[in-house]
Amino acid sequence: MIQIAGVEFGQYKSVTDVFLEACGKYAGKPAFSCMGQSLSFAEMDRLTANFASYLQNHTDLEVGDRIAIQLPNVLQFPIALFGAMRAGMVVVNTNPLYTTREMEHQFNDSGAKVLLILANMAHLAETVVPKTGITKVLVTELADMHPFAKRLLINTVVKRVKKLVPAYSLPNAVSFRSALALGEKTAPTAVNLTLDDTAVLQYTGGTTGVSKGAQLLHQNLVANMMQVRDVVIHDLNGDREVIIAPLPLYHIYAFMLSLVMTDMGHETVLIPNPRDIPGFVKELSKHKFTSFAGLNTLFVALCNNAEFKNLDFSHLKTTISGGMALTQNAADMWKSATGCTIQEGYGLTETAPVVSINPSDDIRIGTIGKPVAGTHVKVVSEDGTDLGLDKEGELCVKGPQVMAGYWLRPEATAEVIDADGWFKTGDVAILAEDGFIRLVDRIKDMINVSGFNVYPNEIDDIASQHPSIVECAAVGVPNEVSGETVKLFVVKSDPGLTEADVIAHCRKHLTAYKIPKEVEFKDELPKTNVGKILRRALRN
């Protein structure tokens, strides 16, 4: 049993236990909805059992093996997620926007054996899978969980009219619906998981360097679920709470919130494409939503939409912000439009993710709130000395939500988690006497674009592969919309090389949010005495 001071939520041995208890307790209530289709907790129980049975009986997976899920926010995601966990598998959350290079690295690093992918990206799998250890590919279409007529209509429009499904050849691929049908023939074998078992590999650059898999145990996820629930249960305790989930479930922030709401029996409305603001607003108009989880850029985009301001916000109780810093302007716009004050929180992939959050009865814009139950924080100097209160230092975190480490990278793990279990966040913060935390700056050179971590070394590596680039360095520059964007400084050998040439080169190998939005050419880059590029000087 996980014990957290002041928090009692029962005995759980795994995320699976949490999910199955919710299915039994709230069987008749809607669990997840998407594009007008809703699945009850009872239906989720049945469908996840089918998927678990398929993985156990129709693949070569064994307990503890990894399955990569590369989907947007569609109903198939929670079915696959909880189904995989019921089968005892480890989930590898994969960004659907990844390029083939990024997919290949993540699949090989994680050792994934099965891939579930949306048909829209299946042409990428055709290229990547032969270079990995993946032995089974499952393909699903956008509306696969809808009734026949609507499923046929939506999937046909996506494929034939909008032409959003490039041609692909995966001769041995299995459709997701076929997998569920095969699994339905045999009941799944119950797996005795423990809190010490790995639940998810959540990829991140950590504080620096190549993308690494944060090894999140069932303990980390269950503990953080309990910690977050302790904060929100005071506001979301009704029988018919409706939670809007526009942020991608493959991101740890949305992933955790959806788990919390499942535990509390609330309906989670999945938004596949929140970038389509008019379509998003139209979907919002269909729901009496009581809670909204977003981030700064999304709040601003919605508030700048005229139709959004005409929605009915009379049921809205809470709005949670995370993933990137909340600006005062965005908070004010949201409050004016909805009447709801945003509660900003803070977390990292490595902390599963929530470290702190503003309590609803004492929201202080400009802070990241107070640590959640059972979480210890401190700020330290460069030599590790505890600086106490009201001093700037690196924020360190200790609690049951801190990851086991980076997957198969003990040296990288030792760099961020000390012998006493303190995790170094890489962020500079100030701790106040009343428990509130204020972030000041980032120690490392990580760039935060709309809540997604972008690591300069990766940008440098890709850009420097261009034959006309001598050396380069990426930095983050402020942006009103996304918080930061990537700017690339370049020393070139060919005078004819243009900004457009560099961006086009990066576009071939990087996900959209990682692509430099600005390129500046220089005769040389500032360096230390030992030759290390001074990114801080470039930012300044």
Protein backbone atom coordinates (compact mmCIF):
# COMPACT_ATOMS: atom_id res chain seq x y z
CA MET A 1 0.00 0.00 0.00
CA ILE A 2 1.24 3.47 -0.83
CA GLN A 3 1.06 5.67 2.23
CA ILE A 4 1.13 9.44 1.81
CA ALA A 5 0.66 11.68 4.80
CA GLY A 6 -2.90 12.94 4.93
CA VAL A 7 -4.00 11.00 1.86
CA GLU A 8 -5.96 7.74 1.99
CA PHE A 9 -7.30 6.21 -1.20
CA GLY A 10 -7.22 2.50 -0.57
CA GLN A 11 -4.84 -0.28 -1.49
CA TYR A 12 -3.57 -0.59 -5.06
CA LYS A 13 -0.86 -2.83 -6.40
CA SER A 14 -0.84 -1.33 -9.89
CA VAL A 15 -2.46 1.07 -12.32
CA THR A 16 -4.49 -1.93 -13.48
CA ASP A 17 -6.01 -2.26 -10.02
CA VAL A 18 -7.04 1.40 -10.13
CA PHE A 19 -8.63 1.00 -13.55
CA LEU A 20 -10.49 -2.24 -12.76
CA GLU A 21 -11.85 -0.85 -9.50
CA ALA A 22 -13.17 2.18 -11.40
CA CYS A 23 -14.79 -0.07 -14.02
CA GLY A 24 -16.64 -1.96 -11.34
CA LYS A 25 -17.60 1.08 -9.31
CA TYR A 26 -18.77 3.29 -12.19
CA ALA A 27 -19.81 0.64 -14.74
CA GLY A 28 -22.81 2.50 -16.15
CA LYS A 29 -21.16 5.92 -16.38
CA PRO A 30 -19.39 7.30 -19.45
CA ALA A 31 -15.60 7.00 -19.16
CA PHE A 32 -14.23 8.40 -22.42
CA SER A 33 -15.85 10.30 -25.29
CA CYS A 34 -14.48 11.36 -28.65
CA MET A 35 -16.08 12.88 -31.76
CA GLY A 36 -19.58 12.16 -30.49
CA GLN A 37 -18.95 8.56 -29.44
CA SER A 38 -18.87 7.58 -25.77
CA LEU A 39 -17.65 4.44 -24.01
CA SER A 40 -18.89 3.54 -20.53
CA PHE A 41 -16.64 2.10 -17.85
CA ALA A 42 -18.27 -1.29 -18.46
CA GLU A 43 -17.46 -1.06 -22.17
CA MET A 44 -13.91 -0.02 -21.33
CA ASP A 45 -13.62 -3.09 -19.10
CA ARG A 46 -14.75 -5.35 -21.95
CA LEU A 47 -12.64 -3.75 -24.68
CA THR A 48 -9.45 -3.58 -22.61
CA ALA A 49 -9.92 -7.24 -21.71
CA ASN A 50 -10.18 -8.05 -25.41
CA PHE A 51 -6.99 -6.16 -26.19
CA ALA A 52 -5.15 -7.75 -23.28
CA SER A 53 -6.20 -11.18 -24.49
CA TYR A 54 -5.01 -10.38 -28.01
CA LEU A 55 -1.57 -9.35 -26.76
CA GLN A 56 -1.30 -12.45 -24.60
CA ASN A 57 -2.54 -14.96 -27.14
CA HIS A 58 -1.77 -13.56 -30.59
CA THR A 59 1.64 -11.88 -30.23
CA ASP A 60 5.04 -12.98 -28.95
CA LEU A 61 4.89 -10.52 -26.06
CA GLU A 62 5.64 -11.68 -22.54
CA VAL A 63 4.97 -9.89 -19.25
CA GLY A 64 7.27 -6.88 -19.05
CA ASP A 65 7.74 -6.53 -22.82
CA ARG A 66 7.19 -3.14 -24.42
CA ILE A 67 4.39 -2.02 -26.71
CA ALA A 68 4.62 1.35 -28.45
CA ILE A 69 1.38 3.32 -28.75
CA GLN A 70 1.57 6.07 -31.38
CA LEU A 71 -1.88 7.64 -31.42
CA PRO A 72 -3.56 11.02 -31.07
CA ASN A 73 -6.43 11.49 -28.60
CA VAL A 74 -8.87 8.88 -29.86
CA LEU A 75 -10.82 6.19 -28.01
CA GLN A 76 -8.33 3.54 -29.10
CA PHE A 77 -5.67 5.16 -26.90
CA PRO A 78 -7.16 4.41 -23.45
CA ILE A 79 -8.32 0.98 -24.67
CA ALA A 80 -4.79 0.10 -25.76
CA LEU A 81 -3.19 1.69 -22.71
CA PHE A 82 -5.21 -0.11 -20.05
CA GLY A 83 -5.42 -3.27 -22.17
CA ALA A 84 -1.64 -3.44 -22.43
CA MET A 85 -1.29 -2.93 -18.69
CA ARG A 86 -3.86 -5.66 -18.00
CA ALA A 87 -1.67 -7.96 -20.07
CA GLY A 88 1.36 -7.01 -17.98
CA MET A 89 3.07 -5.03 -20.72
CA VAL A 90 5.06 -1.80 -20.50
CA VAL A 91 3.64 1.07 -22.55
CA VAL A 92 5.96 3.21 -24.65
CA ASN A 93 4.12 6.47 -25.33
CA THR A 94 5.13 7.74 -28.78
CA ASN A 95 4.43 11.13 -30.31
CA PRO A 96 2.36 10.76 -33.54
CA LEU A 97 4.24 13.75 -34.97
CA TYR A 98 7.61 12.00 -34.80
CA THR A 99 9.78 11.65 -37.88
CA THR A 100 11.17 8.27 -38.91
CA ARG A 101 14.49 9.11 -37.26
CA GLU A 102 12.81 9.85 -33.93
CA MET A 103 10.62 6.75 -34.16
CA GLU A 104 13.57 4.52 -34.92
CA HIS A 105 15.54 5.79 -31.93
CA GLN A 106 12.66 5.39 -29.50
CA PHE A 107 11.61 1.93 -30.69
CA ASN A 108 15.17 0.60 -30.57
CA ASP A 109 16.03 2.25 -27.26
CA SER A 110 12.89 0.90 -25.59
CA GLY A 111 13.10 -2.52 -27.21
CA ALA A 112 9.47 -2.28 -28.29
CA LYS A 113 8.14 -5.45 -29.93
CA VAL A 114 4.63 -4.30 -30.89
CA LEU A 115 3.50 -1.01 -32.43
CA LEU A 116 -0.02 0.40 -32.51
CA ILE A 117 -0.18 3.27 -34.99
CA LEU A 118 -2.81 5.45 -36.65
CA ALA A 119 -3.26 4.73 -40.36
CA ASN A 120 -2.35 8.35 -41.10
CA MET A 121 1.23 7.62 -40.00
CA ALA A 122 1.49 3.99 -41.11
CA HIS A 123 3.66 4.93 -44.11
CA LEU A 124 6.35 5.97 -41.62
CA ALA A 125 6.14 2.60 -39.89
CA GLU A 126 6.75 0.94 -43.26
CA THR A 127 10.16 2.62 -43.31
CA VAL A 128 11.04 2.30 -39.63
CA VAL A 129 9.86 -1.15 -38.54
CA PRO A 130 12.44 -3.17 -40.54
CA LYS A 131 15.19 -1.29 -38.66
CA THR A 132 13.80 -2.20 -35.23
CA GLY A 133 12.88 -5.22 -33.13
CA ILE A 134 9.16 -4.71 -33.70
CA THR A 135 7.53 -8.00 -34.68
CA LYS A 136 3.87 -6.95 -34.89
CA VAL A 137 2.22 -3.79 -36.21
CA LEU A 138 -1.38 -2.90 -35.43
CA VAL A 139 -3.05 -0.20 -37.51
CA THR A 140 -6.17 1.72 -36.57
CA GLU A 141 -8.23 4.37 -38.34
CA LEU A 142 -9.54 7.53 -36.76
CA ALA A 143 -13.16 6.44 -36.12
CA ASP A 144 -12.61 2.73 -35.51
CA MET A 145 -14.57 2.75 -32.25
CA HIS A 146 -17.65 4.40 -33.75
CA PRO A 147 -20.78 2.52 -34.94
CA PHE A 148 -20.54 1.12 -38.48
CA ALA A 149 -22.25 3.89 -40.46
CA LYS A 150 -20.43 6.75 -38.77
CA ARG A 151 -17.16 4.82 -38.78
CA LEU A 152 -17.41 4.23 -42.51
CA LEU A 153 -18.29 7.86 -43.20
CA ILE A 154 -15.53 9.42 -41.07
CA ASN A 155 -12.80 7.02 -42.14
CA THR A 156 -13.73 7.39 -45.81
CA VAL A 157 -13.71 11.19 -45.63
CA VAL A 158 -10.32 11.15 -43.88
CA LYS A 159 -8.86 8.77 -46.43
CA ARG A 160 -10.57 9.63 -49.72
CA VAL A 161 -11.71 13.23 -49.42
CA LYS A 162 -9.16 14.87 -47.14
CA LYS A 163 -6.45 12.44 -48.30
CA LEU A 164 -4.85 12.32 -44.88
CA VAL A 165 -3.78 8.68 -45.13
CA PRO A 166 -0.71 8.29 -47.40
CA ALA A 167 -0.37 4.93 -49.13
CA TYR A 168 1.56 2.33 -47.14
CA SER A 169 2.53 -1.32 -47.41
CA LEU A 170 2.55 -3.35 -44.21
CA PRO A 171 1.52 -6.82 -45.43
CA ASN A 172 1.53 -8.44 -41.99
CA ALA A 173 -0.18 -5.61 -40.14
CA VAL A 174 -3.34 -6.34 -38.15
CA SER A 175 -6.20 -3.89 -37.85
CA PHE A 176 -7.05 -2.78 -34.33
CA ARG A 177 -10.64 -3.90 -34.74
CA SER A 178 -9.48 -7.35 -35.85
CA ALA A 179 -7.21 -7.57 -32.83
CA LEU A 180 -10.13 -6.80 -30.51
CA ALA A 181 -12.27 -9.41 -32.27
CA LEU A 182 -9.56 -12.06 -31.89
CA GLY A 183 -9.06 -11.18 -28.24
CA GLU A 184 -12.77 -11.42 -27.51
CA LYS A 185 -12.68 -15.17 -28.06
CA THR A 186 -10.55 -15.82 -24.97
CA ALA A 187 -10.60 -14.22 -21.54
CA PRO A 188 -7.30 -12.56 -20.62
CA THR A 189 -5.03 -14.11 -18.03
CA ALA A 190 -4.83 -11.97 -14.92
CA VAL A 191 -1.30 -10.70 -14.27
CA ASN A 192 -0.09 -10.14 -10.73
CA LEU A 193 1.68 -6.81 -11.07
CA THR A 194 3.30 -4.97 -8.18
CA LEU A 195 4.05 -1.34 -7.47
CA ASP A 196 7.70 -2.04 -8.27
CA ASP A 197 6.94 -3.14 -11.83
CA THR A 198 7.56 -0.76 -14.73
CA ALA A 199 4.35 0.68 -16.19
CA VAL A 200 5.47 3.23 -18.77
CA LEU A 201 8.58 4.37 -20.61
CA GLN A 202 7.96 8.08 -21.10
CA TYR A 203 10.57 9.59 -23.38
CA THR A 204 12.23 12.88 -22.63
CA GLY A 205 15.60 14.49 -23.08
CA GLY A 206 15.89 14.61 -19.31
CA THR A 207 17.82 17.77 -18.53
CA THR A 208 20.18 17.44 -21.49
CA GLY A 209 21.09 15.28 -24.43
CA VAL A 210 19.53 12.47 -26.44
CA SER A 211 15.95 11.41 -25.77
CA LYS A 212 15.82 8.99 -22.83
CA GLY A 213 13.05 6.81 -21.45
CA ALA A 214 11.93 7.84 -17.97
CA GLN A 215 11.15 4.52 -16.29
CA LEU A 216 7.89 5.14 -14.46
CA LEU A 217 6.83 2.38 -12.10
CA HIS A 218 3.24 1.57 -11.19
CA GLN A 219 4.13 3.11 -7.83
CA ASN A 220 5.05 6.43 -9.45
CA LEU A 221 1.79 6.67 -11.40
CA VAL A 222 -0.49 5.44 -8.62
CA ALA A 223 1.16 7.74 -6.09
CA ASN A 224 0.88 10.79 -8.33
CA MET A 225 -2.73 9.92 -9.10
CA MET A 226 -3.45 9.92 -5.36
CA GLN A 227 -1.52 13.17 -4.87
CA VAL A 228 -3.38 15.01 -7.63
CA ARG A 229 -6.72 13.57 -6.58
CA ASP A 230 -6.14 14.96 -3.10
CA VAL A 231 -5.98 18.45 -4.63
CA VAL A 232 -8.86 18.32 -7.14
CA ILE A 233 -11.38 16.15 -5.29
CA HIS A 234 -12.60 19.14 -3.30
CA ASP A 235 -13.78 20.82 -6.50
CA LEU A 236 -14.60 17.84 -8.74
CA ASN A 237 -16.70 15.62 -6.51
CA GLY A 238 -19.99 15.57 -8.37
CA ASP A 239 -21.70 12.60 -10.01
CA ARG A 240 -21.45 14.03 -13.51
CA GLU A 241 -18.14 15.77 -13.97
CA VAL A 242 -17.04 16.26 -17.60
CA ILE A 243 -13.35 16.85 -18.22
CA ILE A 244 -12.07 18.32 -21.48
CA ALA A 245 -8.77 16.70 -22.53
CA PRO A 246 -7.25 18.52 -25.52
CA LEU A 247 -3.61 17.89 -24.62
CA PRO A 248 -2.06 14.73 -26.10
CA LEU A 249 -2.33 11.62 -23.96
CA TYR A 250 1.17 10.58 -25.00
CA HIS A 251 2.42 13.60 -23.00
CA ILE A 252 2.79 12.78 -19.30
CA TYR A 253 0.73 15.79 -18.18
CA ALA A 254 -2.44 14.72 -19.99
CA PHE A 255 -1.66 11.06 -19.39
CA MET A 256 -1.73 11.52 -15.61
CA LEU A 257 -4.82 13.73 -15.56
CA SER A 258 -6.78 11.17 -17.58
CA LEU A 259 -5.74 8.48 -15.11
CA VAL A 260 -6.88 10.63 -12.19
CA MET A 261 -10.26 11.25 -13.77
CA THR A 262 -10.71 7.56 -14.50
CA ASP A 263 -10.15 6.82 -10.83
CA MET A 264 -12.73 9.44 -9.83
CA GLY A 265 -15.36 8.16 -12.28
CA HIS A 266 -15.46 11.29 -14.40
CA GLU A 267 -16.07 11.46 -18.15
CA THR A 268 -13.02 12.49 -20.17
CA VAL A 269 -13.71 14.12 -23.54
CA LEU A 270 -10.80 13.48 -25.90
CA ILE A 271 -9.96 16.14 -28.50
CA PRO A 272 -7.98 14.62 -31.42
CA ASN A 273 -6.91 17.92 -33.00
CA PRO A 274 -6.93 20.92 -30.64
CA ARG A 275 -5.00 22.94 -33.23
CA ASP A 276 -8.26 23.21 -35.18
CA ILE A 277 -9.60 25.94 -32.91
CA PRO A 278 -12.97 26.41 -34.73
CA GLY A 279 -13.56 22.65 -34.65
CA PHE A 280 -12.47 22.48 -31.02
CA VAL A 281 -14.88 25.26 -30.04
CA LYS A 282 -17.69 23.50 -31.90
CA GLU A 283 -17.00 20.33 -29.93
CA LEU A 284 -16.93 22.27 -26.63
CA SER A 285 -20.41 23.63 -27.40
CA LYS A 286 -21.79 20.09 -27.16
CA HIS A 287 -20.72 19.50 -23.57
CA LYS A 288 -21.56 20.85 -20.11
CA PHE A 289 -17.92 20.61 -19.15
CA THR A 290 -16.85 21.12 -15.56
CA SER A 291 -13.06 20.97 -15.88
CA PHE A 292 -10.49 21.91 -18.49
CA ALA A 293 -6.82 20.95 -18.69
CA GLY A 294 -4.64 23.05 -20.95
CA LEU A 295 -1.54 25.17 -21.27
CA ASN A 296 -0.69 28.77 -21.99
CA THR A 297 -0.69 28.66 -25.79
CA LEU A 298 -4.05 26.89 -25.93
CA PHE A 299 -5.69 29.31 -23.52
CA VAL A 300 -4.56 32.24 -25.66
CA ALA A 301 -5.69 30.64 -28.92
CA LEU A 302 -9.14 29.86 -27.55
CA CYS A 303 -9.62 33.30 -26.01
CA ASN A 304 -8.79 34.89 -29.35
CA ASN A 305 -11.67 32.98 -30.97
CA ALA A 306 -14.92 34.95 -31.02
CA GLU A 307 -17.16 31.87 -30.83
CA PHE A 308 -15.35 30.57 -27.76
CA LYS A 309 -16.45 33.54 -25.73
CA ASN A 310 -20.10 32.69 -26.51
CA LEU A 311 -19.92 29.22 -24.95
CA ASP A 312 -21.74 28.30 -21.75
CA PHE A 313 -19.18 28.27 -18.94
CA SER A 314 -21.73 28.07 -16.13
CA HIS A 315 -20.64 24.51 -15.25
CA LEU A 316 -16.87 25.12 -15.38
CA LYS A 317 -15.35 24.58 -11.92
CA THR A 318 -11.62 24.16 -12.52
CA THR A 319 -9.00 24.93 -15.12
CA ILE A 320 -5.57 23.34 -14.74
CA SER A 321 -2.44 24.65 -16.46
CA GLY A 322 0.89 22.89 -16.85
CA GLY A 323 3.57 21.99 -19.35
CA MET A 324 4.90 25.55 -19.65
CA ALA A 325 4.81 28.81 -17.74
CA LEU A 326 1.42 30.49 -17.47
CA THR A 327 1.58 34.17 -18.39
CA GLN A 328 -0.41 36.81 -16.56
CA ASN A 329 -1.98 37.88 -19.85
CA ALA A 330 -3.25 34.38 -20.61
CA ALA A 331 -4.60 33.98 -17.06
CA ASP A 332 -6.43 37.29 -17.30
CA MET A 333 -7.90 36.49 -20.73
CA TRP A 334 -9.18 33.11 -19.54
CA LYS A 335 -10.68 34.54 -16.37
CA SER A 336 -12.44 37.26 -18.37
CA ALA A 337 -13.82 34.82 -20.95
CA THR A 338 -14.82 31.93 -18.68
CA GLY A 339 -15.08 33.34 -15.17
CA CYS A 340 -12.73 30.58 -14.00
CA THR A 341 -9.29 31.20 -12.47
CA ILE A 342 -6.51 28.97 -13.75
CA GLN A 343 -4.66 26.74 -11.29
CA GLU A 344 -1.07 26.46 -12.45
CA GLY A 345 0.94 23.39 -11.54
CA TYR A 346 4.45 22.16 -12.17
CA GLY A 347 5.94 18.83 -12.99
CA LEU A 348 8.35 16.88 -15.12
CA THR A 349 8.28 13.62 -17.01
CA GLU A 350 10.66 12.25 -14.38
CA THR A 351 8.18 13.00 -11.58
CA ALA A 352 5.19 11.28 -13.20
CA PRO A 353 4.66 14.36 -13.50
CA VAL A 354 3.08 16.56 -10.80
CA VAL A 355 5.32 18.16 -8.17
CA SER A 356 3.20 21.13 -7.13
CA ILE A 357 -0.05 22.91 -7.89
CA ASN A 358 -1.92 26.00 -6.78
CA PRO A 359 -4.74 25.06 -4.36
CA SER A 360 -8.13 26.25 -5.60
CA ASP A 361 -8.75 28.28 -2.44
CA ASP A 362 -5.46 30.17 -2.71
CA ILE A 363 -4.44 30.59 -6.34
CA ARG A 364 -1.38 32.78 -6.86
CA ILE A 365 -0.62 33.56 -10.48
CA GLY A 366 3.12 33.65 -11.04
CA THR A 367 3.79 30.71 -8.75
CA ILE A 368 3.59 26.97 -9.33
CA GLY A 369 1.74 26.47 -6.07
CA LYS A 370 2.60 24.16 -3.21
CA PRO A 371 4.10 20.65 -3.31
CA VAL A 372 1.50 17.89 -3.50
CA ALA A 373 1.14 15.52 -0.54
CA GLY A 374 4.17 13.41 0.31
CA THR A 375 6.50 15.54 -1.81
CA HIS A 376 9.61 17.19 -0.40
CA VAL A 377 11.37 20.04 -2.18
CA LYS A 378 14.51 22.06 -1.59
CA VAL A 379 16.72 24.48 -3.49
CA VAL A 380 20.45 23.92 -3.58
CA SER A 381 23.57 25.75 -4.67
CA GLU A 382 25.95 24.43 -7.32
CA ASP A 383 27.81 22.42 -4.68
CA GLY A 384 24.59 20.88 -3.35
CA THR A 385 24.21 23.01 -0.24
CA ASP A 386 20.60 23.44 0.90
CA LEU A 387 19.87 27.17 0.59
CA GLY A 388 16.64 27.17 2.57
CA LEU A 389 13.93 29.78 2.01
CA ASP A 390 13.85 32.89 -0.18
CA LYS A 391 17.08 32.05 -2.01
CA GLU A 392 17.51 31.18 -5.67
CA GLY A 393 18.81 27.67 -6.30
CA GLU A 394 18.24 24.49 -8.25
CA LEU A 395 14.92 22.92 -7.36
CA CYS A 396 15.24 19.34 -6.12
CA VAL A 397 12.34 16.96 -5.53
CA LYS A 398 11.88 13.83 -3.46
CA GLY A 399 8.71 11.75 -3.30
CA PRO A 400 6.98 8.53 -4.38
CA GLN A 401 6.34 9.97 -7.85
CA VAL A 402 10.04 10.29 -8.75
CA MET A 403 10.99 7.86 -11.54
CA ALA A 404 13.09 4.75 -11.03
CA GLY A 405 15.61 6.18 -13.49
CA TYR A 406 16.34 6.52 -17.18
CA TRP A 407 15.78 3.25 -19.05
CA LEU A 408 19.09 1.35 -19.32
CA ARG A 409 21.08 4.53 -18.60
CA PRO A 410 22.49 4.25 -15.06
CA GLU A 411 25.08 6.99 -15.59
CA ALA A 412 22.44 9.47 -16.81
CA THR A 413 20.25 8.49 -13.85
CA ALA A 414 23.08 9.09 -11.38
CA GLU A 415 23.50 12.60 -12.78
CA VAL A 416 19.98 13.62 -11.73
CA ILE A 417 19.06 11.38 -8.74
CA ASP A 418 21.41 11.27 -5.75
CA ALA A 419 21.88 8.45 -3.27
CA ASP A 420 19.17 9.86 -1.01
CA GLY A 421 16.57 9.93 -3.80
CA TRP A 422 16.62 13.66 -4.52
CA PHE A 423 15.87 14.46 -8.17
CA LYS A 424 17.56 17.55 -9.62
CA THR A 425 15.08 19.32 -11.89
CA GLY A 426 17.47 21.67 -13.67
CA ASP A 427 15.16 24.59 -12.80
CA VAL A 428 16.02 27.55 -10.61
CA ALA A 429 13.36 28.28 -8.01
CA ILE A 430 12.65 30.20 -4.81
CA LEU A 431 10.81 28.59 -1.89
CA ALA A 432 8.61 30.82 0.25
CA GLU A 433 7.93 30.25 3.94
CA ASP A 434 4.24 29.56 3.25
CA GLY A 435 5.14 26.68 0.92
CA PHE A 436 4.60 28.36 -2.44
CA ILE A 437 7.24 27.90 -5.14
CA ARG A 438 8.27 30.40 -7.77
CA LEU A 439 10.32 29.36 -10.80
CA VAL A 440 13.03 31.77 -11.87
CA ASP A 441 14.93 30.27 -14.79
CA ARG A 442 16.26 27.04 -16.28
CA ILE A 443 19.79 26.00 -15.52
CA LYS A 444 20.20 23.91 -18.60
CA ASP A 445 19.78 24.95 -22.18
CA MET A 446 16.52 23.11 -22.75
CA ILE A 447 14.01 24.97 -24.91
CA ASN A 448 10.30 24.80 -24.04
CA VAL A 449 8.00 25.08 -27.06
CA SER A 450 4.32 24.95 -26.09
CA GLY A 451 5.08 22.63 -23.20
CA PHE A 452 7.29 20.26 -25.21
CA ASN A 453 10.97 19.90 -24.39
CA VAL A 454 13.34 20.66 -27.24
CA TYR A 455 16.98 19.83 -26.74
CA PRO A 456 19.57 22.02 -28.50
CA ASN A 457 22.05 19.18 -28.95
CA GLU A 458 19.55 17.34 -31.13
CA ILE A 459 18.91 20.42 -33.28
CA ASP A 460 22.67 21.04 -33.58
CA ASP A 461 23.28 17.45 -34.58
CA ILE A 462 20.71 17.49 -37.36
CA ALA A 463 21.54 20.94 -38.69
CA SER A 464 25.28 20.29 -38.72
CA GLN A 465 24.70 17.39 -41.12
CA HIS A 466 24.07 19.95 -43.87
CA PRO A 467 27.24 20.06 -46.01
CA SER A 468 27.36 23.85 -46.01
CA ILE A 469 27.14 24.28 -42.22
CA VAL A 470 30.45 24.52 -40.39
CA GLU A 471 29.01 24.75 -36.90
CA CYS A 472 25.77 25.81 -35.29
CA ALA A 473 23.99 26.28 -31.99
CA ALA A 474 20.29 26.32 -31.15
CA VAL A 475 18.79 28.46 -28.40
CA GLY A 476 15.30 29.31 -27.22
CA VAL A 477 13.97 32.79 -27.82
CA PRO A 478 10.80 34.24 -26.23
CA ASN A 479 7.55 33.92 -28.18
CA GLU A 480 4.14 35.25 -27.12
CA VAL A 481 2.30 32.27 -28.57
CA SER A 482 4.43 29.22 -27.76
CA GLY A 483 6.49 30.53 -24.85
CA GLU A 484 9.68 29.91 -26.77
CA THR A 485 10.73 29.05 -30.32
CA VAL A 486 13.98 27.66 -31.66
CA LYS A 487 16.55 30.02 -33.10
CA LEU A 488 19.61 28.58 -34.82
CA PHE A 489 22.93 30.39 -35.12
CA VAL A 490 24.97 29.12 -38.07
CA VAL A 491 28.50 29.48 -39.38
CA LYS A 492 28.41 28.54 -43.07
CA SER A 493 31.00 27.53 -45.64
CA ASP A 494 28.84 28.33 -48.69
CA PRO A 495 27.94 32.04 -49.01
CA GLY A 496 24.86 31.02 -50.98
CA LEU A 497 23.29 29.08 -48.08
CA THR A 498 20.01 30.74 -47.04
CA GLU A 499 17.75 30.62 -44.01
CA ALA A 500 15.17 28.75 -46.10
CA ASP A 501 17.78 26.12 -47.02
CA VAL A 502 18.61 25.46 -43.37
CA ILE A 503 14.97 25.25 -42.30
CA ALA A 504 14.12 22.92 -45.19
CA HIS A 505 16.98 20.63 -44.17
CA CYS A 506 15.77 20.52 -40.55
CA ARG A 507 12.19 19.91 -41.63
CA LYS A 508 13.21 16.59 -43.18
CA HIS A 509 14.46 15.21 -39.88
CA LEU A 510 12.68 16.99 -37.03
CA THR A 511 9.16 17.17 -35.63
CA ALA A 512 7.49 20.52 -36.42
CA TYR A 513 7.89 22.11 -33.00
CA LYS A 514 11.65 21.41 -33.03
CA ILE A 515 12.28 23.11 -36.38
CA PRO A 516 14.10 26.48 -36.08
CA LYS A 517 11.78 29.38 -36.77
CA GLU A 518 14.70 31.76 -37.23
CA VAL A 519 18.25 31.34 -38.53
CA GLU A 520 21.03 33.88 -37.99
CA PHE A 521 24.35 33.56 -39.78
CA LYS A 522 27.54 34.53 -37.94
CA ASP A 523 31.24 34.53 -38.76
CA GLU A 524 31.97 32.61 -35.55
CA LEU A 525 30.18 31.42 -32.42
CA PRO A 526 31.21 32.52 -28.91
CA LYS A 527 33.06 29.81 -27.00
CA THR A 528 34.69 29.09 -23.66
CA ASN A 529 38.43 28.62 -23.35
CA VAL A 530 38.00 24.91 -23.88
CA GLY A 531 35.90 25.40 -27.01
CA LYS A 532 32.37 24.91 -25.64
CA ILE A 533 29.78 27.08 -27.38
CA LEU A 534 28.30 29.71 -25.06
CA ARG A 535 24.57 29.45 -25.67
CA ARG A 536 23.85 31.99 -22.94
CA ALA A 537 25.88 34.58 -24.85
CA LEU A 538 23.90 33.79 -28.00
CA ARG A 539 20.60 34.19 -26.16
CA ASN A 540 21.72 37.50 -24.76
